[in-house]
């Protein structure tokens, strides 16, 4: 899965990606085109590099050098098409030759800045490229077919300057310039691989620096790779929700959770933050697969090939399916993927909530039993009182002295708190409505 697909999932990933302080458009585009990492060794290598960047920018003495590096990276342009033309044997025009010169000069400048920060950058043959495109050694960020490329060109230009209306000389100048561009392109073709690699290196450095800055500024953690398939997040939080609460002068309550290779059931009252827990687990897993810092005090995460989510209204207008039909199809797809042995994390929010409670309870209980037998990591949020078949059960602590406590605690199997009316009271709803609801509950209990 590419990152540009992953940000469409309902786990608040887009917010983190949008807030990443990448300096260049090409680096952001390349980041969005990245595939999720599926190899534990590659993931560990990535986070080792990120740790190096993080150590560098945490040093106060490096702050100016870091800002200078970010400023330089703003000049990185997406010239992949130009470099493809060059590698393919095309003769570059003046604009394309300028783009190549600009890239080579920028690479040398960034290389110097990164050395100041003790950050690695592959040494490429950019000096030779600059020598070809800057024959007078002026180090000016422009390109022109200089007179120094050809005495014949110098002579023709002088003639044209003396007689601007001489069409024959004008044509001769154009032909000589074209010949020089073709010669320059042939010379530069020897460095096409270096230039392509240089563009990728600079874009990668831009992303790595941005991820390090975000990790430092947001106080994220660098995760460990889980070897036993267990996901453990200690004091995790959701950056988007936390920022929204902060704007309203409210504080986010962090949570901890651990998931193994079996379904885990999460229950709790309405407004208990269960869906946020679900989204945050999915967010942390996604960030891990794409090499970001993790919003938690500590994170141990397994490599997953896929994250499956069923959240909010699953109604499919285009296919003419009801909410229930669309949801059941999504749940069945998860079951089938688990049966195929796919290495996935499934996040299921309020399954079968759009049908009657009796059948809904039966569907959820049986779903948990099926997934338990298959043995896959699944987090299921439900309001139903269900048979958890011995699977781990958690619940939101709930109302405590009139205030909501969002911490997760172990629950007895099938335990579902009944706090809807208490929460409704705190919201100040119509007293007659509340009184009638209490009477209905009392009569049902008798």
Protein backbone atom coordinates (compact mmCIF):
# COMPACT_ATOMS: atom_id res chain seq x y z
CA UNK A 1 0.00 0.00 0.00
CA UNK A 2 1.26 3.47 -0.87
CA UNK A 3 1.01 6.34 1.61
CA UNK A 4 -1.35 8.26 -0.69
CA UNK A 5 -3.78 5.33 -0.32
CA UNK A 6 -3.19 4.89 3.41
CA UNK A 7 -4.12 8.49 4.26
CA UNK A 8 -7.64 7.78 2.99
CA UNK A 9 -8.21 5.33 5.83
CA UNK A 10 -10.20 6.68 8.82
CA UNK A 11 -7.32 6.62 11.31
CA UNK A 12 -6.26 10.33 11.32
CA UNK A 13 -3.11 9.58 9.29
CA UNK A 14 -3.71 12.45 6.86
CA UNK A 15 -3.40 14.97 9.69
CA UNK A 16 0.06 13.74 10.71
CA UNK A 17 1.25 13.64 7.09
CA UNK A 18 -0.13 17.11 6.33
CA UNK A 19 1.61 18.53 9.41
CA UNK A 20 4.98 17.00 8.47
CA UNK A 21 7.39 19.95 7.88
CA UNK A 22 8.69 18.77 4.50
CA UNK A 23 10.39 21.64 2.68
CA UNK A 24 9.98 20.69 -1.00
CA UNK A 25 7.03 19.64 -3.09
CA UNK A 26 8.97 16.83 -4.76
CA UNK A 27 9.88 15.29 -1.38
CA UNK A 28 6.22 15.34 -0.33
CA UNK A 29 5.16 13.74 -3.63
CA UNK A 30 7.80 11.04 -3.30
CA UNK A 31 6.74 10.42 0.29
CA UNK A 32 3.13 9.93 -0.78
CA UNK A 33 4.31 7.49 -3.46
CA UNK A 34 6.20 5.34 -0.93
CA UNK A 35 5.13 1.78 -0.26
CA UNK A 36 4.66 0.65 3.31
CA UNK A 37 7.68 -1.16 4.72
CA UNK A 38 7.16 -4.92 5.04
CA UNK A 39 10.56 -6.09 6.21
CA UNK A 40 11.59 -5.89 9.85
CA UNK A 41 15.26 -5.36 9.00
CA UNK A 42 14.42 -2.47 6.65
CA UNK A 43 12.19 -0.90 9.30
CA UNK A 44 14.91 -1.14 11.93
CA UNK A 45 17.43 0.39 9.50
CA UNK A 46 15.06 3.27 8.78
CA UNK A 47 14.51 4.04 12.45
CA UNK A 48 18.26 3.81 13.10
CA UNK A 49 18.73 6.56 10.48
CA UNK A 50 15.89 8.58 11.97
CA UNK A 51 17.57 8.26 15.36
CA UNK A 52 20.74 9.76 13.84
CA UNK A 53 18.79 12.74 12.48
CA UNK A 54 16.99 13.14 15.80
CA UNK A 55 20.26 13.19 17.75
CA UNK A 56 21.62 15.83 15.37
CA UNK A 57 18.72 18.28 15.66
CA UNK A 58 18.37 17.85 19.42
CA UNK A 59 21.71 19.58 19.90
CA UNK A 60 21.08 23.28 20.45
CA UNK A 61 24.37 24.14 18.76
CA UNK A 62 23.04 22.61 15.52
CA UNK A 63 19.87 24.69 15.39
CA UNK A 64 21.21 27.25 12.88
CA UNK A 65 22.69 24.53 10.68
CA UNK A 66 19.38 22.65 10.75
CA UNK A 67 17.44 25.75 9.72
CA UNK A 68 19.93 26.47 6.95
CA UNK A 69 19.55 22.91 5.71
CA UNK A 70 15.76 23.23 5.68
CA UNK A 71 16.07 26.51 3.76
CA UNK A 72 18.32 24.90 1.16
CA UNK A 73 15.94 21.98 0.71
CA UNK A 74 13.16 24.41 -0.22
CA UNK A 75 14.97 24.83 -3.53
CA UNK A 76 14.60 21.17 -4.52
CA UNK A 77 12.53 20.79 -7.70
CA UNK A 78 10.91 17.76 -9.29
CA UNK A 79 13.00 17.27 -12.44
CA UNK A 80 12.45 13.54 -12.80
CA UNK A 81 11.09 14.05 -16.34
CA UNK A 82 14.16 16.06 -17.34
CA UNK A 83 16.49 13.38 -15.98
CA UNK A 84 14.52 10.70 -17.83
CA UNK A 85 14.96 12.69 -21.05
CA UNK A 86 18.69 12.92 -20.38
CA UNK A 87 19.07 9.21 -19.64
CA UNK A 88 17.00 8.39 -22.75
CA UNK A 89 19.35 10.21 -25.11
CA UNK A 90 17.41 13.44 -25.67
CA UNK A 91 19.08 16.79 -26.26
CA UNK A 92 18.15 19.05 -23.37
CA UNK A 93 16.99 22.62 -23.90
CA UNK A 94 18.22 25.60 -21.90
CA UNK A 95 15.56 25.22 -19.19
CA UNK A 96 16.36 21.53 -18.71
CA UNK A 97 20.10 22.24 -18.63
CA UNK A 98 19.44 24.91 -16.00
CA UNK A 99 17.45 22.37 -13.95
CA UNK A 100 20.35 19.93 -14.04
CA UNK A 101 22.83 22.64 -13.04
CA UNK A 102 20.57 23.80 -10.22
CA UNK A 103 20.24 20.24 -8.88
CA UNK A 104 24.00 19.65 -8.95
CA UNK A 105 24.77 22.93 -7.18
CA UNK A 106 22.01 22.35 -4.62
CA UNK A 107 23.33 18.87 -3.88
CA UNK A 108 26.80 20.26 -3.11
CA UNK A 109 25.31 22.94 -0.83
CA UNK A 110 23.15 20.42 1.04
CA UNK A 111 26.09 18.05 1.35
CA UNK A 112 28.05 20.77 3.16
CA UNK A 113 25.13 21.56 5.47
CA UNK A 114 24.65 17.91 6.33
CA UNK A 115 28.33 17.49 7.14
CA UNK A 116 27.93 20.29 9.70
CA UNK A 117 25.21 18.19 11.30
CA UNK A 118 27.23 14.97 10.97
CA UNK A 119 24.47 13.50 8.81
CA UNK A 120 25.25 11.03 6.03
CA UNK A 121 24.77 11.88 2.34
CA UNK A 122 26.20 9.86 -0.51
CA UNK A 123 29.04 11.65 -2.29
CA UNK A 124 28.10 11.87 -5.96
CA UNK A 125 29.89 13.32 -9.01
CA UNK A 126 28.17 16.68 -8.91
CA UNK A 127 31.39 18.71 -9.26
CA UNK A 128 31.90 17.25 -12.74
CA UNK A 129 28.31 18.13 -13.69
CA UNK A 130 28.79 21.71 -12.49
CA UNK A 131 32.06 21.90 -14.43
CA UNK A 132 30.25 20.99 -17.64
CA UNK A 133 27.45 23.53 -17.14
CA UNK A 134 29.52 26.31 -15.57
CA UNK A 135 32.63 26.52 -17.83
CA UNK A 136 33.64 29.95 -16.47
CA UNK A 137 33.36 28.82 -12.82
CA UNK A 138 30.99 31.67 -11.92
CA UNK A 139 28.77 29.51 -9.64
CA UNK A 140 25.71 31.50 -10.77
CA UNK A 141 22.34 29.79 -10.51
CA UNK A 142 21.43 30.32 -14.15
CA UNK A 143 22.27 28.61 -17.44
CA UNK A 144 23.24 30.09 -20.80
CA UNK A 145 25.02 28.67 -23.80
CA UNK A 146 28.19 30.57 -22.98
CA UNK A 147 30.62 31.96 -25.59
CA UNK A 148 33.36 29.99 -23.88
CA UNK A 149 31.80 26.77 -25.18
CA UNK A 150 32.81 27.65 -28.75
CA UNK A 151 35.06 30.27 -30.40
CA UNK A 152 32.89 29.89 -33.50
CA UNK A 153 29.80 30.80 -31.44
CA UNK A 154 31.61 33.81 -29.98
CA UNK A 155 32.48 35.01 -33.47
CA UNK A 156 28.96 34.49 -34.81
CA UNK A 157 27.41 36.40 -31.93
CA UNK A 158 29.71 39.34 -32.50
CA UNK A 159 28.70 39.39 -36.15
CA UNK A 160 25.01 39.29 -35.19
CA UNK A 161 25.53 42.06 -32.65
CA UNK A 162 26.99 44.25 -35.39
CA UNK A 163 24.23 43.34 -37.87
CA UNK A 164 21.09 42.11 -36.00
CA UNK A 165 19.07 41.77 -39.23
CA UNK A 166 21.47 39.26 -40.81
CA UNK A 167 19.21 36.17 -40.99
CA UNK A 168 22.00 33.89 -42.21
CA UNK A 169 24.15 34.65 -39.18
CA UNK A 170 21.10 34.35 -36.90
CA UNK A 171 20.42 30.85 -38.23
CA UNK A 172 24.09 29.94 -37.87
CA UNK A 173 24.01 31.03 -34.21
CA UNK A 174 20.94 28.86 -33.57
CA UNK A 175 22.57 25.85 -35.24
CA UNK A 176 25.79 26.27 -33.24
CA UNK A 177 23.86 26.59 -29.98
CA UNK A 178 21.91 23.44 -30.82
CA UNK A 179 25.16 21.59 -31.54
CA UNK A 180 26.56 22.69 -28.17
CA UNK A 181 23.41 21.61 -26.32
CA UNK A 182 23.63 18.19 -27.97
CA UNK A 183 27.30 17.94 -26.95
CA UNK A 184 26.54 19.01 -23.39
CA UNK A 185 23.70 16.47 -23.18
CA UNK A 186 26.01 13.70 -24.37
CA UNK A 187 28.58 14.68 -21.73
CA UNK A 188 25.97 14.87 -18.99
CA UNK A 189 24.49 11.48 -19.92
CA UNK A 190 27.50 9.88 -18.22
CA UNK A 191 26.20 11.34 -14.95
CA UNK A 192 22.50 10.58 -15.43
CA UNK A 193 22.48 7.89 -12.73
CA UNK A 194 24.26 10.20 -10.27
CA UNK A 195 21.76 12.96 -10.96
CA UNK A 196 18.76 10.68 -10.53
CA UNK A 197 20.22 9.27 -7.34
CA UNK A 198 21.01 12.79 -6.14
CA UNK A 199 17.41 13.90 -6.56
CA UNK A 200 16.20 10.88 -4.58
CA UNK A 201 18.86 11.44 -1.90
CA UNK A 202 17.84 15.07 -1.38
CA UNK A 203 14.13 14.23 -1.28
CA UNK A 204 14.85 11.45 1.22
CA UNK A 205 16.96 13.80 3.37
CA UNK A 206 14.10 16.31 3.30
CA UNK A 207 11.63 13.68 4.53
CA UNK A 208 13.99 12.25 7.16
CA UNK A 209 14.72 15.71 8.54
CA UNK A 210 11.00 16.52 8.61
CA UNK A 211 10.22 13.27 10.44
CA UNK A 212 12.97 14.01 12.96
CA UNK A 213 11.69 17.55 13.55
CA UNK A 214 8.11 16.30 13.96
CA UNK A 215 9.27 13.55 16.35
CA UNK A 216 11.15 16.11 18.45
CA UNK A 217 8.50 18.85 18.44
CA UNK A 218 5.55 16.51 19.06
CA UNK A 219 7.50 14.39 21.59
CA UNK A 220 6.88 11.19 19.63
CA UNK A 221 8.78 7.98 20.28
CA UNK A 222 10.80 5.75 18.00
CA UNK A 223 9.26 2.26 18.06
CA UNK A 224 10.70 -1.18 18.53
CA UNK A 225 9.88 -4.01 16.13
CA UNK A 226 7.76 -6.70 17.78
CA UNK A 227 9.07 -10.21 17.13
CA UNK A 228 6.14 -12.13 18.61
CA UNK A 229 3.32 -10.34 16.79
CA UNK A 230 2.13 -8.48 19.91
CA UNK A 231 1.29 -4.79 19.61
CA UNK A 232 1.99 -2.73 22.73
CA UNK A 233 1.37 1.01 22.98
CA UNK A 234 2.12 2.76 26.25
CA UNK A 235 0.50 6.16 26.90
CA UNK A 236 -0.59 6.59 23.30
CA UNK A 237 -2.48 9.64 22.06
CA UNK A 238 -4.08 10.91 18.88
CA UNK A 239 -2.35 14.12 17.67
CA UNK A 240 -5.36 15.42 15.72
CA UNK A 241 -7.78 14.93 18.61
CA UNK A 242 -5.25 16.24 21.13
CA UNK A 243 -4.73 19.44 19.11
CA UNK A 244 -8.49 19.91 18.78
CA UNK A 245 -8.94 19.54 22.53
CA UNK A 246 -6.03 21.90 23.21
CA UNK A 247 -7.72 24.61 21.13
CA UNK A 248 -10.72 24.26 23.45
CA UNK A 249 -8.44 24.35 26.52
CA UNK A 250 -9.05 20.70 27.29
CA UNK A 251 -6.55 17.95 28.03
CA UNK A 252 -6.21 14.64 26.19
CA UNK A 253 -6.16 11.54 28.41
CA UNK A 254 -3.64 9.04 27.13
CA UNK A 255 -4.21 5.30 27.03
CA UNK A 256 -2.22 2.09 26.94
CA UNK A 257 -3.17 -1.09 25.12
CA UNK A 258 -1.70 -4.44 24.16
CA UNK A 259 -3.02 -6.71 21.40
CA UNK A 260 -1.98 -10.28 20.66
CA UNK A 261 -2.83 -12.71 17.88
CA UNK A 262 -6.48 -13.01 18.90
CA UNK A 263 -9.52 -10.75 19.05
CA UNK A 264 -9.56 -8.15 21.82
CA UNK A 265 -12.95 -6.75 22.77
CA UNK A 266 -13.30 -3.13 23.86
CA UNK A 267 -16.53 -1.98 25.50
CA UNK A 268 -17.62 1.19 27.21
CA UNK A 269 -20.28 3.81 27.45
CA UNK A 270 -21.24 6.26 24.75
CA UNK A 271 -18.84 9.19 24.51
CA UNK A 272 -16.25 6.92 26.12
CA UNK A 273 -13.57 7.42 23.49
CA UNK A 274 -13.62 3.83 22.21
CA UNK A 275 -13.55 4.83 18.54
CA UNK A 276 -10.64 7.20 19.22
CA UNK A 277 -8.74 4.29 20.78
CA UNK A 278 -9.48 2.23 17.67
CA UNK A 279 -8.34 4.99 15.32
CA UNK A 280 -5.22 5.69 17.36
CA UNK A 281 -4.14 2.04 17.29
CA UNK A 282 -4.60 2.06 13.51
CA UNK A 283 -2.74 5.37 13.25
CA UNK A 284 0.25 4.08 15.23
CA UNK A 285 0.44 0.92 13.13
CA UNK A 286 0.30 2.95 9.91
CA UNK A 287 2.91 5.45 11.07
CA UNK A 288 5.19 2.55 11.94
CA UNK A 289 4.92 1.02 8.45
CA UNK A 290 5.81 4.38 6.87
CA UNK A 291 8.64 5.28 9.23
CA UNK A 292 7.17 8.11 11.31
CA UNK A 293 7.56 8.79 15.00
CA UNK A 294 4.80 7.19 17.09
CA UNK A 295 2.48 9.20 19.39
CA UNK A 296 3.15 7.16 22.53
CA UNK A 297 5.63 7.05 25.38
CA UNK A 298 6.70 3.61 24.18
CA UNK A 299 5.67 1.52 21.18
CA UNK A 300 6.41 -2.08 20.24
CA UNK A 301 4.77 -2.84 16.90
CA UNK A 302 4.66 -5.86 14.58
CA UNK A 303 5.08 -5.71 10.82
CA UNK A 304 1.67 -5.95 9.17
CA UNK A 305 0.95 -6.34 5.48
CA UNK A 306 -2.48 -4.79 5.79
CA UNK A 307 -4.67 -2.78 8.15
CA UNK A 308 -8.41 -3.38 7.71
CA UNK A 309 -10.90 -0.90 9.15
CA UNK A 310 -14.67 -0.96 9.41
CA UNK A 311 -15.75 2.32 10.91
CA UNK A 312 -18.66 4.77 10.72
CA UNK A 313 -21.51 4.30 8.22
CA UNK A 314 -20.68 1.64 5.65
CA UNK A 315 -23.64 2.44 3.40
CA UNK A 316 -22.77 2.19 -0.29
CA UNK A 317 -24.90 4.55 -2.36
CA UNK A 318 -23.23 3.62 -5.63
CA UNK A 319 -23.88 -0.09 -5.17
CA UNK A 320 -27.35 0.40 -3.73
CA UNK A 321 -26.45 -1.42 -0.51
CA UNK A 322 -27.91 -0.69 2.90
CA UNK A 323 -25.66 0.16 5.82
CA UNK A 324 -26.05 -3.36 7.17
CA UNK A 325 -25.34 -5.08 3.84
CA UNK A 326 -22.25 -2.95 3.17
CA UNK A 327 -20.96 -3.52 6.69
CA UNK A 328 -21.47 -7.29 6.55
CA UNK A 329 -19.60 -7.42 3.27
CA UNK A 330 -16.68 -5.54 4.83
CA UNK A 331 -16.64 -7.86 7.84
CA UNK A 332 -16.80 -10.93 5.61
CA UNK A 333 -13.84 -9.60 3.60
CA UNK A 334 -11.85 -9.43 6.85
CA UNK A 335 -12.79 -13.00 7.75
CA UNK A 336 -11.79 -14.23 4.29
CA UNK A 337 -8.48 -12.36 4.45
CA UNK A 338 -7.79 -13.97 7.84
CA UNK A 339 -8.62 -17.42 6.44
CA UNK A 340 -6.12 -16.80 3.62
CA UNK A 341 -3.47 -16.27 6.26
CA UNK A 342 -2.89 -12.59 5.47
CA UNK A 343 -0.74 -10.81 8.04
CA UNK A 344 -3.16 -8.08 9.03
CA UNK A 345 -4.49 -5.95 11.84
CA UNK A 346 -8.28 -5.61 11.82
CA UNK A 347 -10.04 -2.71 13.53
CA UNK A 348 -13.79 -3.18 13.81
CA UNK A 349 -16.02 -0.46 15.25
CA UNK A 350 -19.49 -1.44 16.51
CA UNK A 351 -20.14 -4.41 14.20
CA UNK A 352 -23.79 -5.22 13.37
CA UNK A 353 -24.91 -1.99 15.02
CA UNK A 354 -27.47 -1.32 12.27
CA UNK A 355 -29.57 -4.40 12.95
CA UNK A 356 -31.70 -5.52 15.92
CA UNK A 357 -29.82 -6.26 19.19
CA UNK A 358 -30.67 -9.99 19.29
CA UNK A 359 -29.27 -10.79 15.86
CA UNK A 360 -26.54 -8.22 16.28
CA UNK A 361 -25.34 -9.90 19.45
CA UNK A 362 -25.36 -13.29 17.73
CA UNK A 363 -23.38 -11.97 14.75
CA UNK A 364 -20.75 -10.28 16.91
CA UNK A 365 -20.29 -13.24 19.27
CA UNK A 366 -19.92 -15.66 16.36
CA UNK A 367 -17.56 -13.27 14.56
CA UNK A 368 -15.30 -13.22 17.61
CA UNK A 369 -15.38 -17.00 17.83
CA UNK A 370 -14.45 -17.40 14.16
CA UNK A 371 -11.60 -14.89 14.37
CA UNK A 372 -10.35 -16.48 17.61
CA UNK A 373 -10.11 -19.88 15.93
CA UNK A 374 -8.26 -18.43 12.93
CA UNK A 375 -5.93 -16.46 15.20
CA UNK A 376 -5.47 -12.92 13.95
CA UNK A 377 -4.88 -9.58 15.68
CA UNK A 378 -8.29 -7.87 15.87
CA UNK A 379 -9.61 -5.03 18.01
CA UNK A 380 -13.41 -4.98 18.20
CA UNK A 381 -15.46 -2.18 19.77
CA UNK A 382 -18.99 -3.17 20.73
CA UNK A 383 -21.93 -2.15 22.92
CA UNK A 384 -23.45 -5.61 22.91
CA UNK A 385 -23.31 -7.97 25.86
CA UNK A 386 -21.57 -10.84 24.11
CA UNK A 387 -19.80 -14.14 24.62
CA UNK A 388 -16.13 -13.21 24.20
CA UNK A 389 -15.07 -16.88 24.02
CA UNK A 390 -12.18 -16.34 26.42
CA UNK A 391 -10.66 -13.47 24.42
CA UNK A 392 -9.16 -10.45 26.22
CA UNK A 393 -11.78 -7.86 27.20
CA UNK A 394 -11.17 -4.20 27.97
CA UNK A 395 -13.53 -1.40 28.81
CA UNK A 396 -13.38 2.35 29.23
CA UNK A 397 -13.49 3.10 32.95
CA UNK A 398 -16.36 5.53 32.40
CA UNK A 399 -18.03 8.12 34.61
CA UNK A 400 -16.25 8.75 37.88
CA UNK A 401 -17.74 11.42 40.17
CA UNK A 402 -19.49 13.03 37.24
CA UNK A 403 -16.39 13.12 35.03
CA UNK A 404 -15.46 10.75 32.22
CA UNK A 405 -12.36 8.63 32.84
CA UNK A 406 -11.11 7.37 29.47
CA UNK A 407 -8.51 4.94 30.80
CA UNK A 408 -8.78 1.30 29.73
CA UNK A 409 -9.18 -1.41 32.33
CA UNK A 410 -9.65 -5.16 32.14
CA UNK A 411 -13.28 -6.21 32.00
CA UNK A 412 -15.14 -9.36 32.83
CA UNK A 413 -16.15 -11.30 29.74
CA UNK A 414 -19.25 -9.83 28.16
CA UNK A 415 -19.37 -6.92 30.64
CA UNK A 416 -20.89 -3.78 29.11
CA UNK A 417 -21.42 -0.67 31.25
CA UNK A 418 -24.88 0.90 31.30
CA UNK A 419 -24.19 4.60 31.58
CA UNK A 420 -26.19 6.11 28.73
CA UNK A 421 -28.78 7.74 31.03
CA UNK A 422 -26.12 9.05 33.41
CA UNK A 423 -24.25 10.60 30.49
CA UNK A 424 -27.49 12.05 29.15
CA UNK A 425 -28.03 13.67 32.55
CA UNK A 426 -24.62 15.35 32.40
CA UNK A 427 -25.57 16.72 28.98
CA UNK A 428 -28.63 18.39 30.46
CA UNK A 429 -31.32 16.80 28.29
CA UNK A 430 -35.07 17.17 28.91
CA UNK A 431 -35.97 15.91 32.42
CA UNK A 432 -39.34 14.43 31.36
CA UNK A 433 -37.58 12.43 28.63
CA UNK A 434 -35.03 11.13 31.16
CA UNK A 435 -37.70 10.27 33.69
CA UNK A 436 -39.65 8.31 31.09
CA UNK A 437 -36.50 6.42 30.09
CA UNK A 438 -35.83 5.42 33.72
CA UNK A 439 -39.40 4.12 34.01
CA UNK A 440 -38.97 1.99 30.88
CA UNK A 441 -35.76 0.46 32.28
CA UNK A 442 -37.40 -0.23 35.64
CA UNK A 443 -40.39 -1.95 34.05
CA UNK A 444 -38.10 -4.04 31.82
CA UNK A 445 -36.06 -5.20 34.80
CA UNK A 446 -39.13 -6.42 36.72
